[in-house]
Each structure stands twice: as structure tokens, then as C-alpha cells.
Amino acid sequence: MNMSKRTVFYIAAVSICAALLSGALFLLSPAIQPTEIRAVFWMAAIGLFVNILTFRLPRGGTASIAFIPFLAAAILVPSWIA
């Protein structure tokens, strides 16, 4: 697979921004509750399971709805752990 330089730059920029913002959230509020850990754990487990359930798209592509549990974890537990 050959990705263009713009694609690699975009992926790197998004990854760096995500890491920096996660660190900023940790600095703002490092304490987390056990219920938050459980909620994020179960949403991540559901997301990993759903990632296996891909569906076929036209022209031979595949897709997944695995982002939905991950997005739900970030909405339900708005802290650095999500």
C-alpha cells in the first residue's frame, strides 16, 4: 500500500493532536472513578467485538461500525481515560 505524503502527514498530525489533548485532560483532572473505568472498559470491549462484524460495500470494499461504541465511551465518560 502506497500512501501519499499528505495522507501520512494528516494521520501523524491527528495522532499528535490526540495525544497532546489527552495529556492536557490528564493534567486538568487526573482523578477518575471506578465507574468511569468500567464504562470505558465495556465500551472498548464492545467496540473491539463490533470491529469483527464488518460489512461489504459496493466495488469490493468493507466497512465497520466499530467507531460507535468508542464515540459513546468518549461521550459517556468525558475524561482522559476515554
Protein backbone atom coordinates (compact mmCIF):
# COMPACT_ATOMS: atom_id res chain seq x y z
CA MET A 1 0.00 0.00 0.00
CA ASN A 2 1.41 3.34 -1.02
CA MET A 3 0.08 6.37 0.84
CA SER A 4 0.75 9.89 -0.30
CA LYS A 5 2.81 12.24 1.83
CA ARG A 6 -0.28 14.35 2.53
CA THR A 7 -2.11 11.33 3.94
CA VAL A 8 0.81 10.36 6.16
CA PHE A 9 1.11 13.97 7.38
CA TYR A 10 -2.62 14.12 8.16
CA ILE A 11 -2.55 10.86 10.13
CA ALA A 12 0.53 11.98 12.06
CA ALA A 13 -0.99 15.40 12.83
CA VAL A 14 -4.26 13.91 14.09
CA SER A 15 -2.38 11.36 16.23
CA ILE A 16 -0.13 14.03 17.76
CA CYS A 17 -3.10 16.31 18.50
CA ALA A 18 -4.99 13.43 20.14
CA ALA A 19 -2.01 12.58 22.34
CA LEU A 20 -1.50 16.23 23.34
CA LEU A 21 -5.17 16.75 24.17
CA SER A 22 -5.29 13.53 26.19
CA GLY A 23 -2.30 14.77 28.17
CA ALA A 24 -3.98 18.14 28.72
CA LEU A 25 -7.12 16.40 30.00
CA PHE A 26 -5.00 14.35 32.39
CA LEU A 27 -3.32 17.49 33.72
CA LEU A 28 -6.69 19.20 34.23
CA SER A 29 -8.32 16.29 36.05
CA PRO A 30 -6.13 13.25 36.80
CA ALA A 31 -8.62 11.58 39.18
CA ILE A 32 -11.02 9.02 37.76
CA GLN A 33 -13.79 7.00 39.36
CA PRO A 34 -14.05 3.19 39.21
CA THR A 35 -17.38 3.51 37.41
CA GLU A 36 -15.66 5.51 34.66
CA ILE A 37 -13.06 2.77 34.22
CA ARG A 38 -15.77 0.12 33.95
CA ALA A 39 -17.77 2.14 31.43
CA VAL A 40 -14.74 2.75 29.20
CA PHE A 41 -13.63 -0.88 29.51
CA TRP A 42 -17.01 -2.25 28.43
CA MET A 43 -17.42 0.22 25.58
CA ALA A 44 -13.92 -0.68 24.35
CA ALA A 45 -14.75 -4.40 24.59
CA ILE A 46 -17.95 -3.86 22.60
CA GLY A 47 -16.03 -1.78 20.06
CA LEU A 48 -13.42 -4.50 19.58
CA PHE A 49 -16.14 -7.12 19.14
CA VAL A 50 -18.10 -4.98 16.67
CA ASN A 51 -14.90 -4.37 14.70
CA ILE A 52 -15.03 -8.04 13.71
CA LEU A 53 -18.53 -7.57 12.25
CA THR A 54 -17.65 -5.83 9.01
CA PHE A 55 -19.99 -5.49 6.08
CA ARG A 56 -19.35 -5.37 2.35
CA LEU A 57 -19.63 -2.24 0.29
CA PRO A 58 -20.05 -1.95 -3.47
CA ARG A 59 -16.91 -2.40 -5.57
CA GLY A 60 -15.32 -4.82 -3.09
CA GLY A 61 -14.87 -2.50 -0.11
CA THR A 62 -15.61 -3.30 3.53
CA ALA A 63 -16.76 -1.10 6.40
CA SER A 64 -17.37 -1.33 10.12
CA ILE A 65 -19.49 0.48 12.68
CA ALA A 66 -16.90 -0.02 15.44
CA PHE A 67 -16.49 3.73 15.92
CA ILE A 68 -19.93 3.97 17.55
CA PRO A 69 -19.02 2.32 20.91
CA PHE A 70 -15.74 4.26 21.01
CA LEU A 71 -17.59 7.52 20.39
CA ALA A 72 -20.17 6.55 23.03
CA ALA A 73 -17.36 5.96 25.55
CA ALA A 74 -15.97 9.44 24.89
CA ILE A 75 -19.44 10.97 25.33
CA LEU A 76 -20.39 8.98 28.44
CA VAL A 77 -17.04 9.42 30.19
CA PRO A 78 -15.59 12.79 29.13
CA SER A 79 -12.20 12.35 30.79
CA TRP A 80 -8.69 11.45 29.73
CA ILE A 81 -9.28 7.73 30.17
CA ALA A 82 -11.80 7.62 27.31
